[in-house]
């Protein structure tokens, strides 16, 4: 994880109390910033569409036998959603021709290849 980057955490909405408790019991340390998102939120636009969020969580895999991460397939779907809907034109990705894309904060075209 590069300088100035953060980690996004997606969790089942039913685990919100558990997640909040876990955050309270951890001592604040300097390190990587974390953004946390429940699988669905009432009255607020969710980080991912609820159906996609649930598929990501149900199909998660273990990374380094320690962390749950999206499967390769769902990583691709969430990255594409992130590029198209969350970053939009700021991503630098041309909407219909990737060869015309420009460098944005990240080389998203390379990420999804």
PDB file of N, CA and C in Angstrom:
ATOM      1  N   UNK A   1       0.863  -1.176   0.000  1.00  0.00           N
ATOM      2  CA  UNK A   1       0.000   0.000   0.000  1.00  0.00           C
ATOM      3  C   UNK A   1       0.901   1.228   0.000  1.00  0.00           C
ATOM      4  N   UNK A   2       0.699   2.077  -0.991  1.00  0.00           N
ATOM      5  CA  UNK A   2       1.547   3.243  -1.150  1.00  0.00           C
ATOM      6  C   UNK A   2       1.204   4.378  -0.194  1.00  0.00           C
ATOM      7  N   UNK A   3       2.110   5.316  -0.106  1.00  0.00           N
ATOM      8  CA  UNK A   3       1.871   6.495   0.723  1.00  0.00           C
ATOM      9  C   UNK A   3       0.614   7.220   0.249  1.00  0.00           C
ATOM     10  N   UNK A   4      -0.194   7.657   1.185  1.00  0.00           N
ATOM     11  CA  UNK A   4      -1.409   8.384   0.856  1.00  0.00           C
ATOM     12  C   UNK A   4      -2.565   7.510   0.424  1.00  0.00           C
ATOM     13  N   UNK A   5      -2.363   6.209   0.380  1.00  0.00           N
ATOM     14  CA  UNK A   5      -3.415   5.276  -0.015  1.00  0.00           C
ATOM     15  C   UNK A   5      -4.165   4.802   1.234  1.00  0.00           C
ATOM     16  N   UNK A   6      -5.314   4.205   1.009  1.00  0.00           N
ATOM     17  CA  UNK A   6      -6.082   3.663   2.124  1.00  0.00           C
ATOM     18  C   UNK A   6      -6.574   2.266   1.775  1.00  0.00           C
ATOM     19  N   UNK A   7      -7.154   1.616   2.755  1.00  0.00           N
ATOM     20  CA  UNK A   7      -7.729   0.288   2.583  1.00  0.00           C
ATOM     21  C   UNK A   7      -9.230   0.428   2.788  1.00  0.00           C
ATOM     22  N   UNK A   8     -10.003  -0.126   1.861  1.00  0.00           N
ATOM     23  CA  UNK A   8     -11.452  -0.131   1.990  1.00  0.00           C
ATOM     24  C   UNK A   8     -11.881  -1.473   2.552  1.00  0.00           C
ATOM     25  N   UNK A   9     -12.710  -1.433   3.586  1.00  0.00           N
ATOM     26  CA  UNK A   9     -13.206  -2.655   4.207  1.00  0.00           C
ATOM     27  C   UNK A   9     -14.717  -2.723   3.996  1.00  0.00           C
ATOM     28  N   UNK A  10     -15.168  -3.822   3.425  1.00  0.00           N
ATOM     29  CA  UNK A  10     -16.585  -4.087   3.228  1.00  0.00           C
ATOM     30  C   UNK A  10     -16.984  -5.158   4.233  1.00  0.00           C
ATOM     31  N   UNK A  11     -18.069  -4.926   4.954  1.00  0.00           N
ATOM     32  CA  UNK A  11     -18.506  -5.918   5.932  1.00  0.00           C
ATOM     33  C   UNK A  11     -20.023  -6.080   5.869  1.00  0.00           C
ATOM     34  N   UNK A  12     -20.508  -7.241   6.342  1.00  0.00           N
ATOM     35  CA  UNK A  12     -21.945  -7.474   6.392  1.00  0.00           C
ATOM     36  C   UNK A  12     -22.584  -6.443   7.328  1.00  0.00           C
ATOM     37  N   UNK A  13     -23.664  -5.838   6.885  1.00  0.00           N
ATOM     38  CA  UNK A  13     -24.343  -4.822   7.695  1.00  0.00           C
ATOM     39  C   UNK A  13     -24.744  -5.348   9.063  1.00  0.00           C
ATOM     40  N   UNK A  14     -25.097  -6.623   9.124  1.00  0.00           N
ATOM     41  CA  UNK A  14     -25.486  -7.224  10.408  1.00  0.00           C
ATOM     42  C   UNK A  14     -24.326  -7.229  11.404  1.00  0.00           C
ATOM     43  N   UNK A  15     -23.112  -7.063  10.923  1.00  0.00           N
ATOM     44  CA  UNK A  15     -21.931  -7.071  11.787  1.00  0.00           C
ATOM     45  C   UNK A  15     -21.492  -5.672  12.212  1.00  0.00           C
ATOM     46  N   UNK A  16     -22.345  -4.666  12.000  1.00  0.00           N
ATOM     47  CA  UNK A  16     -21.968  -3.288  12.320  1.00  0.00           C
ATOM     48  C   UNK A  16     -21.590  -3.128  13.793  1.00  0.00           C
ATOM     49  N   UNK A  17     -22.381  -3.677  14.702  1.00  0.00           N
ATOM     50  CA  UNK A  17     -22.064  -3.553  16.127  1.00  0.00           C
ATOM     51  C   UNK A  17     -20.730  -4.220  16.450  1.00  0.00           C
ATOM     52  N   UNK A  18     -20.503  -5.396  15.880  1.00  0.00           N
ATOM     53  CA  UNK A  18     -19.251  -6.116  16.090  1.00  0.00           C
ATOM     54  C   UNK A  18     -18.072  -5.301  15.537  1.00  0.00           C
ATOM     55  N   UNK A  19     -18.279  -4.709  14.362  1.00  0.00           N
ATOM     56  CA  UNK A  19     -17.218  -3.915  13.742  1.00  0.00           C
ATOM     57  C   UNK A  19     -16.896  -2.680  14.592  1.00  0.00           C
ATOM     58  N   UNK A  20     -17.936  -1.991  15.068  1.00  0.00           N
ATOM     59  CA  UNK A  20     -17.718  -0.808  15.915  1.00  0.00           C
ATOM     60  C   UNK A  20     -16.987  -1.188  17.193  1.00  0.00           C
ATOM     61  N   UNK A  21     -17.365  -2.303  17.801  1.00  0.00           N
ATOM     62  CA  UNK A  21     -16.707  -2.759  19.026  1.00  0.00           C
ATOM     63  C   UNK A  21     -15.242  -3.074  18.772  1.00  0.00           C
ATOM     64  N   UNK A  22     -14.953  -3.727  17.657  1.00  0.00           N
ATOM     65  CA  UNK A  22     -13.578  -4.049  17.303  1.00  0.00           C
ATOM     66  C   UNK A  22     -12.754  -2.763  17.164  1.00  0.00           C
ATOM     67  N   UNK A  23     -13.345  -1.755  16.542  1.00  0.00           N
ATOM     68  CA  UNK A  23     -12.631  -0.479  16.359  1.00  0.00           C
ATOM     69  C   UNK A  23     -12.363   0.204  17.693  1.00  0.00           C
ATOM     70  N   UNK A  24     -13.294   0.107  18.622  1.00  0.00           N
ATOM     71  CA  UNK A  24     -13.119   0.726  19.944  1.00  0.00           C
ATOM     72  C   UNK A  24     -12.017   0.052  20.754  1.00  0.00           C
ATOM     73  N   UNK A  25     -11.870  -1.260  20.582  1.00  0.00           N
ATOM     74  CA  UNK A  25     -10.896  -1.988  21.391  1.00  0.00           C
ATOM     75  C   UNK A  25      -9.479  -1.891  20.844  1.00  0.00           C
ATOM     76  N   UNK A  26      -9.333  -1.438  19.630  1.00  0.00           N
ATOM     77  CA  UNK A  26      -7.999  -1.296  19.030  1.00  0.00           C
ATOM     78  C   UNK A  26      -7.413   0.054  19.406  1.00  0.00           C
ATOM     79  N   UNK A  27      -6.163   0.060  19.798  1.00  0.00           N
ATOM     80  CA  UNK A  27      -5.491   1.318  20.079  1.00  0.00           C
ATOM     81  C   UNK A  27      -5.150   1.986  18.760  1.00  0.00           C
ATOM     82  N   UNK A  28      -5.300   3.298  18.731  1.00  0.00           N
ATOM     83  CA  UNK A  28      -4.957   4.022  17.509  1.00  0.00           C
ATOM     84  C   UNK A  28      -3.454   3.976  17.303  1.00  0.00           C
ATOM     85  N   UNK A  29      -3.078   3.577  16.111  1.00  0.00           N
ATOM     86  CA  UNK A  29      -1.673   3.515  15.741  1.00  0.00           C
ATOM     87  C   UNK A  29      -1.504   4.244  14.426  1.00  0.00           C
ATOM     88  N   UNK A  30      -0.339   4.759  14.216  1.00  0.00           N
ATOM     89  CA  UNK A  30      -0.065   5.364  12.923  1.00  0.00           C
ATOM     90  C   UNK A  30       0.054   4.239  11.916  1.00  0.00           C
ATOM     91  N   UNK A  31      -0.433   4.499  10.725  1.00  0.00           N
ATOM     92  CA  UNK A  31      -0.363   3.467   9.702  1.00  0.00           C
ATOM     93  C   UNK A  31      -1.257   3.798   8.544  1.00  0.00           C
ATOM     94  N   UNK A  32      -1.877   2.784   8.004  1.00  0.00           N
ATOM     95  CA  UNK A  32      -2.704   2.928   6.823  1.00  0.00           C
ATOM     96  C   UNK A  32      -4.107   3.382   7.223  1.00  0.00           C
ATOM     97  N   UNK A  33      -4.632   4.356   6.482  1.00  0.00           N
ATOM     98  CA  UNK A  33      -6.002   4.811   6.716  1.00  0.00           C
ATOM     99  C   UNK A  33      -6.973   3.738   6.243  1.00  0.00           C
ATOM    100  N   UNK A  34      -8.111   3.649   6.918  1.00  0.00           N
ATOM    101  CA  UNK A  34      -9.111   2.640   6.599  1.00  0.00           C
ATOM    102  C   UNK A  34     -10.463   3.315   6.397  1.00  0.00           C
ATOM    103  N   UNK A  35     -11.146   2.940   5.319  1.00  0.00           N
ATOM    104  CA  UNK A  35     -12.531   3.331   5.089  1.00  0.00           C
ATOM    105  C   UNK A  35     -13.357   2.063   5.204  1.00  0.00           C
ATOM    106  N   UNK A  36     -14.418   2.106   5.999  1.00  0.00           N
ATOM    107  CA  UNK A  36     -15.239   0.914   6.218  1.00  0.00           C
ATOM    108  C   UNK A  36     -16.642   1.144   5.673  1.00  0.00           C
ATOM    109  N   UNK A  37     -17.175   0.123   5.006  1.00  0.00           N
ATOM    110  CA  UNK A  37     -18.476   0.224   4.369  1.00  0.00           C
ATOM    111  C   UNK A  37     -19.323  -1.003   4.670  1.00  0.00           C
ATOM    112  N   UNK A  38     -20.549  -0.797   5.182  1.00  0.00           N
ATOM    113  CA  UNK A  38     -21.449  -1.941   5.359  1.00  0.00           C
ATOM    114  C   UNK A  38     -22.004  -2.379   4.008  1.00  0.00           C
ATOM    115  N   UNK A  39     -22.484  -3.623   3.939  1.00  0.00           N
ATOM    116  CA  UNK A  39     -22.987  -4.169   2.678  1.00  0.00           C
ATOM    117  C   UNK A  39     -24.222  -3.428   2.175  1.00  0.00           C
ATOM    118  N   UNK A  40     -24.982  -2.814   3.068  1.00  0.00           N
ATOM    119  CA  UNK A  40     -26.111  -1.969   2.652  1.00  0.00           C
ATOM    120  C   UNK A  40     -26.365  -0.947   3.762  1.00  0.00           C
ATOM    121  N   UNK A  41     -26.894   0.189   3.371  1.00  0.00           N
ATOM    122  CA  UNK A  41     -27.201   1.245   4.333  1.00  0.00           C
ATOM    123  C   UNK A  41     -28.565   1.815   3.999  1.00  0.00           C
ATOM    124  N   UNK A  42     -29.419   1.922   4.986  1.00  0.00           N
ATOM    125  CA  UNK A  42     -30.755   2.464   4.765  1.00  0.00           C
ATOM    126  C   UNK A  42     -30.676   3.979   4.609  1.00  0.00           C
ATOM    127  N   UNK A  43     -31.313   4.483   3.561  1.00  0.00           N
ATOM    128  CA  UNK A  43     -31.401   5.919   3.353  1.00  0.00           C
ATOM    129  C   UNK A  43     -30.140   6.577   2.826  1.00  0.00           C
ATOM    130  N   UNK A  44     -29.105   5.792   2.571  1.00  0.00           N
ATOM    131  CA  UNK A  44     -27.844   6.344   2.079  1.00  0.00           C
ATOM    132  C   UNK A  44     -27.377   5.476   0.919  1.00  0.00           C
ATOM    133  N   UNK A  45     -26.814   6.111  -0.099  1.00  0.00           N
ATOM    134  CA  UNK A  45     -26.281   5.333  -1.213  1.00  0.00           C
ATOM    135  C   UNK A  45     -25.131   4.465  -0.712  1.00  0.00           C
ATOM    136  N   UNK A  46     -25.172   3.176  -0.960  1.00  0.00           N
ATOM    137  CA  UNK A  46     -24.111   2.288  -0.483  1.00  0.00           C
ATOM    138  C   UNK A  46     -22.840   2.440  -1.306  1.00  0.00           C
ATOM    139  N   UNK A  47     -21.742   1.967  -0.766  1.00  0.00           N
ATOM    140  CA  UNK A  47     -20.458   1.996  -1.457  1.00  0.00           C
ATOM    141  C   UNK A  47     -20.531   1.166  -2.733  1.00  0.00           C
ATOM    142  N   UNK A  48     -21.173   0.016  -2.653  1.00  0.00           N
ATOM    143  CA  UNK A  48     -21.415  -0.860  -3.802  1.00  0.00           C
ATOM    144  C   UNK A  48     -22.908  -1.174  -3.828  1.00  0.00           C
ATOM    145  N   UNK A  49     -23.455  -1.485  -4.994  1.00  0.00           N
ATOM    146  CA  UNK A  49     -24.841  -1.963  -5.002  1.00  0.00           C
ATOM    147  C   UNK A  49     -24.946  -3.174  -4.067  1.00  0.00           C
ATOM    148  N   UNK A  50     -26.034  -3.259  -3.340  1.00  0.00           N
ATOM    149  CA  UNK A  50     -26.170  -4.299  -2.315  1.00  0.00           C
ATOM    150  C   UNK A  50     -25.951  -5.705  -2.872  1.00  0.00           C
ATOM    151  N   UNK A  51     -26.508  -5.995  -4.045  1.00  0.00           N
ATOM    152  CA  UNK A  51     -26.342  -7.342  -4.619  1.00  0.00           C
ATOM    153  C   UNK A  51     -24.868  -7.645  -4.882  1.00  0.00           C
ATOM    154  N   UNK A  52     -24.129  -6.678  -5.404  1.00  0.00           N
ATOM    155  CA  UNK A  52     -22.703  -6.886  -5.656  1.00  0.00           C
ATOM    156  C   UNK A  52     -21.947  -7.022  -4.337  1.00  0.00           C
ATOM    157  N   UNK A  53     -22.260  -6.176  -3.371  1.00  0.00           N
ATOM    158  CA  UNK A  53     -21.585  -6.248  -2.066  1.00  0.00           C
ATOM    159  C   UNK A  53     -21.773  -7.626  -1.434  1.00  0.00           C
ATOM    160  N   UNK A  54     -22.985  -8.149  -1.499  1.00  0.00           N
ATOM    161  CA  UNK A  54     -23.248  -9.455  -0.900  1.00  0.00           C
ATOM    162  C   UNK A  54     -22.491 -10.565  -1.634  1.00  0.00           C
ATOM    163  N   UNK A  55     -22.431 -10.489  -2.959  1.00  0.00           N
ATOM    164  CA  UNK A  55     -21.680 -11.494  -3.719  1.00  0.00           C
ATOM    165  C   UNK A  55     -20.194 -11.437  -3.383  1.00  0.00           C
ATOM    166  N   UNK A  56     -19.675 -10.232  -3.229  1.00  0.00           N
ATOM    167  CA  UNK A  56     -18.259 -10.068  -2.863  1.00  0.00           C
ATOM    168  C   UNK A  56     -18.002 -10.723  -1.508  1.00  0.00           C
ATOM    169  N   UNK A  57     -18.872 -10.456  -0.544  1.00  0.00           N
ATOM    170  CA  UNK A  57     -18.682 -11.019   0.798  1.00  0.00           C
ATOM    171  C   UNK A  57     -18.876 -12.533   0.819  1.00  0.00           C
ATOM    172  N   UNK A  58     -19.872 -13.033   0.143  1.00  0.00           N
ATOM    173  CA  UNK A  58     -20.136 -14.487   0.126  1.00  0.00           C
ATOM    174  C   UNK A  58     -19.028 -15.256  -0.580  1.00  0.00           C
ATOM    175  N   UNK A  59     -18.365 -14.636  -1.541  1.00  0.00           N
ATOM    176  CA  UNK A  59     -17.355 -15.331  -2.348  1.00  0.00           C
ATOM    177  C   UNK A  59     -15.930 -14.918  -2.010  1.00  0.00           C
ATOM    178  N   UNK A  60     -15.737 -14.333  -0.852  1.00  0.00           N
ATOM    179  CA  UNK A  60     -14.398 -13.879  -0.467  1.00  0.00           C
ATOM    180  C   UNK A  60     -13.438 -15.065  -0.338  1.00  0.00           C
ATOM    181  N   UNK A  61     -12.159 -14.769  -0.464  1.00  0.00           N
ATOM    182  CA  UNK A  61     -11.119 -15.781  -0.341  1.00  0.00           C
ATOM    183  C   UNK A  61     -10.103 -15.301   0.688  1.00  0.00           C
ATOM    184  N   UNK A  62      -9.264 -16.208   1.140  1.00  0.00           N
ATOM    185  CA  UNK A  62      -8.231 -15.856   2.122  1.00  0.00           C
ATOM    186  C   UNK A  62      -6.965 -15.416   1.401  1.00  0.00           C
ATOM    187  N   UNK A  63      -6.368 -14.367   1.901  1.00  0.00           N
ATOM    188  CA  UNK A  63      -5.101 -13.855   1.380  1.00  0.00           C
ATOM    189  C   UNK A  63      -4.058 -14.018   2.481  1.00  0.00           C
ATOM    190  N   UNK A  64      -2.960 -14.665   2.138  1.00  0.00           N
ATOM    191  CA  UNK A  64      -1.883 -14.936   3.100  1.00  0.00           C
ATOM    192  C   UNK A  64      -2.407 -15.626   4.364  1.00  0.00           C
ATOM    193  N   UNK A  65      -3.445 -16.445   4.167  1.00  0.00           N
ATOM    194  CA  UNK A  65      -4.052 -17.208   5.260  1.00  0.00           C
ATOM    195  C   UNK A  65      -4.465 -16.339   6.439  1.00  0.00           C
ATOM    196  N   UNK A  66      -4.693 -15.037   6.191  1.00  0.00           N
ATOM    197  CA  UNK A  66      -5.016 -14.134   7.279  1.00  0.00           C
ATOM    198  C   UNK A  66      -6.180 -13.196   6.977  1.00  0.00           C
ATOM    199  N   UNK A  67      -6.230 -12.677   5.760  1.00  0.00           N
ATOM    200  CA  UNK A  67      -7.202 -11.646   5.421  1.00  0.00           C
ATOM    201  C   UNK A  67      -8.233 -12.158   4.434  1.00  0.00           C
ATOM    202  N   UNK A  68      -9.465 -11.695   4.581  1.00  0.00           N
ATOM    203  CA  UNK A  68     -10.491 -11.978   3.591  1.00  0.00           C
ATOM    204  C   UNK A  68     -10.433 -10.889   2.532  1.00  0.00           C
ATOM    205  N   UNK A  69     -10.395 -11.303   1.278  1.00  0.00           N
ATOM    206  CA  UNK A  69     -10.351 -10.365   0.150  1.00  0.00           C
ATOM    207  C   UNK A  69     -11.327 -10.857  -0.913  1.00  0.00           C
ATOM    208  N   UNK A  70     -11.714  -9.978  -1.833  1.00  0.00           N
ATOM    209  CA  UNK A  70     -12.606 -10.442  -2.906  1.00  0.00           C
ATOM    210  C   UNK A  70     -11.926 -11.512  -3.765  1.00  0.00           C
ATOM    211  N   UNK A  71     -12.728 -12.433  -4.281  1.00  0.00           N
ATOM    212  CA  UNK A  71     -12.200 -13.402  -5.245  1.00  0.00           C
ATOM    213  C   UNK A  71     -11.672 -12.612  -6.446  1.00  0.00           C
ATOM    214  N   UNK A  72     -10.874 -13.255  -7.284  1.00  0.00           N
ATOM    215  CA  UNK A  72     -10.340 -12.558  -8.459  1.00  0.00           C
ATOM    216  C   UNK A  72     -11.471 -11.983  -9.313  1.00  0.00           C
ATOM    217  N   UNK A  73     -12.506 -12.781  -9.518  1.00  0.00           N
ATOM    218  CA  UNK A  73     -13.644 -12.338 -10.325  1.00  0.00           C
ATOM    219  C   UNK A  73     -14.324 -11.116  -9.709  1.00  0.00           C
ATOM    220  N   UNK A  74     -14.590 -11.182  -8.409  1.00  0.00           N
ATOM    221  CA  UNK A  74     -15.291 -10.079  -7.760  1.00  0.00           C
ATOM    222  C   UNK A  74     -14.395  -8.862  -7.556  1.00  0.00           C
ATOM    223  N   UNK A  75     -13.093  -9.080  -7.455  1.00  0.00           N
ATOM    224  CA  UNK A  75     -12.167  -7.941  -7.426  1.00  0.00           C
ATOM    225  C   UNK A  75     -12.294  -7.160  -8.727  1.00  0.00           C
ATOM    226  N   UNK A  76     -12.343  -7.871  -9.846  1.00  0.00           N
ATOM    227  CA  UNK A  76     -12.485  -7.219 -11.149  1.00  0.00           C
ATOM    228  C   UNK A  76     -13.796  -6.439 -11.209  1.00  0.00           C
ATOM    229  N   UNK A  77     -14.899  -7.045 -10.778  1.00  0.00           N
ATOM    230  CA  UNK A  77     -16.190  -6.350 -10.806  1.00  0.00           C
ATOM    231  C   UNK A  77     -16.166  -5.093  -9.932  1.00  0.00           C
ATOM    232  N   UNK A  78     -15.621  -5.209  -8.726  1.00  0.00           N
ATOM    233  CA  UNK A  78     -15.609  -4.050  -7.836  1.00  0.00           C
ATOM    234  C   UNK A  78     -14.672  -2.961  -8.352  1.00  0.00           C
ATOM    235  N   UNK A  79     -13.554  -3.354  -8.962  1.00  0.00           N
ATOM    236  CA  UNK A  79     -12.636  -2.368  -9.517  1.00  0.00           C
ATOM    237  C   UNK A  79     -13.290  -1.642 -10.690  1.00  0.00           C
ATOM    238  N   UNK A  80     -13.975  -2.383 -11.543  1.00  0.00           N
ATOM    239  CA  UNK A  80     -14.658  -1.752 -12.678  1.00  0.00           C
ATOM    240  C   UNK A  80     -15.753  -0.806 -12.183  1.00  0.00           C
ATOM    241  N   UNK A  81     -16.494  -1.210 -11.161  1.00  0.00           N
ATOM    242  CA  UNK A  81     -17.526  -0.339 -10.581  1.00  0.00           C
ATOM    243  C   UNK A  81     -16.874   0.922 -10.013  1.00  0.00           C
ATOM    244  N   UNK A  82     -15.786   0.740  -9.315  1.00  0.00           N
ATOM    245  CA  UNK A  82     -15.054   1.865  -8.726  1.00  0.00           C
ATOM    246  C   UNK A  82     -14.610   2.849  -9.812  1.00  0.00           C
ATOM    247  N   UNK A  83     -14.046   2.324 -10.887  1.00  0.00           N
ATOM    248  CA  UNK A  83     -13.551   3.159 -11.977  1.00  0.00           C
ATOM    249  C   UNK A  83     -14.703   3.908 -12.659  1.00  0.00           C
ATOM    250  N   UNK A  84     -15.746   3.174 -13.023  1.00  0.00           N
ATOM    251  CA  UNK A  84     -16.830   3.762 -13.810  1.00  0.00           C
ATOM    252  C   UNK A  84     -17.769   4.657 -13.017  1.00  0.00           C
ATOM    253  N   UNK A  85     -18.147   4.221 -11.810  1.00  0.00           N
ATOM    254  CA  UNK A  85     -19.168   4.948 -11.071  1.00  0.00           C
ATOM    255  C   UNK A  85     -18.628   5.844  -9.966  1.00  0.00           C
ATOM    256  N   UNK A  86     -17.594   5.417  -9.301  1.00  0.00           N
ATOM    257  CA  UNK A  86     -17.093   6.219  -8.195  1.00  0.00           C
ATOM    258  C   UNK A  86     -16.069   7.253  -8.653  1.00  0.00           C
ATOM    259  N   UNK A  87     -15.196   6.874  -9.555  1.00  0.00           N
ATOM    260  CA  UNK A  87     -14.181   7.810 -10.061  1.00  0.00           C
ATOM    261  C   UNK A  87     -14.659   8.544 -11.309  1.00  0.00           C
ATOM    262  N   UNK A  88     -15.382   7.841 -12.174  1.00  0.00           N
ATOM    263  CA  UNK A  88     -15.899   8.460 -13.391  1.00  0.00           C
ATOM    264  C   UNK A  88     -14.783   9.046 -14.245  1.00  0.00           C
ATOM    265  N   UNK A  89     -14.968  10.251 -14.717  1.00  0.00           N
ATOM    266  CA  UNK A  89     -13.975  10.880 -15.606  1.00  0.00           C
ATOM    267  C   UNK A  89     -12.656  11.140 -14.896  1.00  0.00           C
ATOM    268  N   UNK A  90     -12.674  11.239 -13.570  1.00  0.00           N
ATOM    269  CA  UNK A  90     -11.423  11.447 -12.818  1.00  0.00           C
ATOM    270  C   UNK A  90     -10.489  10.247 -12.911  1.00  0.00           C
ATOM    271  N   UNK A  91     -11.024   9.088 -13.310  1.00  0.00           N
ATOM    272  CA  UNK A  91     -10.193   7.884 -13.413  1.00  0.00           C
ATOM    273  C   UNK A  91      -9.214   7.977 -14.574  1.00  0.00           C
ATOM    274  N   UNK A  92      -9.539   8.799 -15.573  1.00  0.00           N
ATOM    275  CA  UNK A  92      -8.699   8.880 -16.760  1.00  0.00           C
ATOM    276  C   UNK A  92      -9.027   7.818 -17.784  1.00  0.00           C
ATOM    277  N   UNK A  93      -9.936   6.896 -17.459  1.00  0.00           N
ATOM    278  CA  UNK A  93     -10.302   5.816 -18.376  1.00  0.00           C
ATOM    279  C   UNK A  93     -11.339   6.348 -19.367  1.00  0.00           C
ATOM    280  N   UNK A  94     -11.040   6.192 -20.650  1.00  0.00           N
ATOM    281  CA  UNK A  94     -11.972   6.618 -21.700  1.00  0.00           C
ATOM    282  C   UNK A  94     -13.179   5.687 -21.662  1.00  0.00           C
ATOM    283  N   UNK A  95     -14.400   6.219 -21.728  1.00  0.00           N
ATOM    284  CA  UNK A  95     -15.589   5.373 -21.566  1.00  0.00           C
ATOM    285  C   UNK A  95     -15.819   4.335 -22.660  1.00  0.00           C
ATOM    286  N   UNK A  96     -15.268   4.539 -23.848  1.00  0.00           N
ATOM    287  CA  UNK A  96     -15.534   3.568 -24.918  1.00  0.00           C
ATOM    288  C   UNK A  96     -14.285   3.040 -25.616  1.00  0.00           C
ATOM    289  N   UNK A  97     -13.116   3.609 -25.316  1.00  0.00           N
ATOM    290  CA  UNK A  97     -11.887   3.164 -25.970  1.00  0.00           C
ATOM    291  C   UNK A  97     -10.709   3.290 -25.003  1.00  0.00           C
ATOM    292  N   UNK A  98     -10.343   2.172 -24.391  1.00  0.00           N
ATOM    293  CA  UNK A  98      -9.278   2.195 -23.370  1.00  0.00           C
ATOM    294  C   UNK A  98      -7.954   2.702 -23.919  1.00  0.00           C
ATOM    295  N   UNK A  99      -7.732   2.576 -25.224  1.00  0.00           N
ATOM    296  CA  UNK A  99      -6.462   3.051 -25.797  1.00  0.00           C
ATOM    297  C   UNK A  99      -6.358   4.572 -25.757  1.00  0.00           C
ATOM    298  N   UNK A 100      -7.488   5.255 -25.583  1.00  0.00           N
ATOM    299  CA  UNK A 100      -7.490   6.712 -25.499  1.00  0.00           C
ATOM    300  C   UNK A 100      -7.487   7.205 -24.057  1.00  0.00           C
ATOM    301  N   UNK A 101      -7.303   6.306 -23.122  1.00  0.00           N
ATOM    302  CA  UNK A 101      -7.300   6.687 -21.707  1.00  0.00           C
ATOM    303  C   UNK A 101      -6.065   7.510 -21.376  1.00  0.00           C
ATOM    304  N   UNK A 102      -6.215   8.353 -20.380  1.00  0.00           N
ATOM    305  CA  UNK A 102      -5.112   9.193 -19.914  1.00  0.00           C
ATOM    306  C   UNK A 102      -4.761   8.787 -18.491  1.00  0.00           C
ATOM    307  N   UNK A 103      -3.556   9.083 -18.110  1.00  0.00           N
ATOM    308  CA  UNK A 103      -3.114   8.749 -16.752  1.00  0.00           C
ATOM    309  C   UNK A 103      -3.921   9.556 -15.741  1.00  0.00           C
ATOM    310  N   UNK A 104      -4.488   8.851 -14.777  1.00  0.00           N
ATOM    311  CA  UNK A 104      -5.179   9.489 -13.666  1.00  0.00           C
ATOM    312  C   UNK A 104      -4.341   9.274 -12.414  1.00  0.00           C
ATOM    313  N   UNK A 105      -5.003   9.193 -11.253  1.00  0.00           N
ATOM    314  CA  UNK A 105      -4.260   8.939 -10.013  1.00  0.00           C
ATOM    315  C   UNK A 105      -3.593   7.569 -10.068  1.00  0.00           C
ATOM    316  N   UNK A 106      -4.244   6.635 -10.765  1.00  0.00           N
ATOM    317  CA  UNK A 106      -3.744   5.269 -10.902  1.00  0.00           C
ATOM    318  C   UNK A 106      -3.873   4.851 -12.362  1.00  0.00           C
ATOM    319  N   UNK A 107      -3.114   3.841 -12.738  1.00  0.00           N
ATOM    320  CA  UNK A 107      -3.228   3.295 -14.086  1.00  0.00           C
ATOM    321  C   UNK A 107      -4.304   2.212 -14.054  1.00  0.00           C
ATOM    322  N   UNK A 108      -5.556   2.649 -14.066  1.00  0.00           N
ATOM    323  CA  UNK A 108      -6.672   1.722 -13.930  1.00  0.00           C
ATOM    324  C   UNK A 108      -6.779   0.748 -15.096  1.00  0.00           C
ATOM    325  N   UNK A 109      -6.403   1.169 -16.290  1.00  0.00           N
ATOM    326  CA  UNK A 109      -6.461   0.265 -17.441  1.00  0.00           C
ATOM    327  C   UNK A 109      -5.551  -0.936 -17.207  1.00  0.00           C
ATOM    328  N   UNK A 110      -4.367  -0.692 -16.688  1.00  0.00           N
ATOM    329  CA  UNK A 110      -3.456  -1.788 -16.390  1.00  0.00           C
ATOM    330  C   UNK A 110      -3.991  -2.687 -15.294  1.00  0.00           C
ATOM    331  N   UNK A 111      -4.676  -2.114 -14.323  1.00  0.00           N
ATOM    332  CA  UNK A 111      -5.223  -2.887 -13.204  1.00  0.00           C
ATOM    333  C   UNK A 111      -6.258  -3.889 -13.684  1.00  0.00           C
ATOM    334  N   UNK A 112      -7.102  -3.493 -14.635  1.00  0.00           N
ATOM    335  CA  UNK A 112      -8.188  -4.386 -15.045  1.00  0.00           C
ATOM    336  C   UNK A 112      -7.807  -5.301 -16.203  1.00  0.00           C
ATOM    337  N   UNK A 113      -6.613  -5.178 -16.743  1.00  0.00           N
ATOM    338  CA  UNK A 113      -6.199  -6.077 -17.839  1.00  0.00           C
ATOM    339  C   UNK A 113      -5.889  -7.460 -17.330  1.00  0.00           C
TER     340      UNK A 113
END
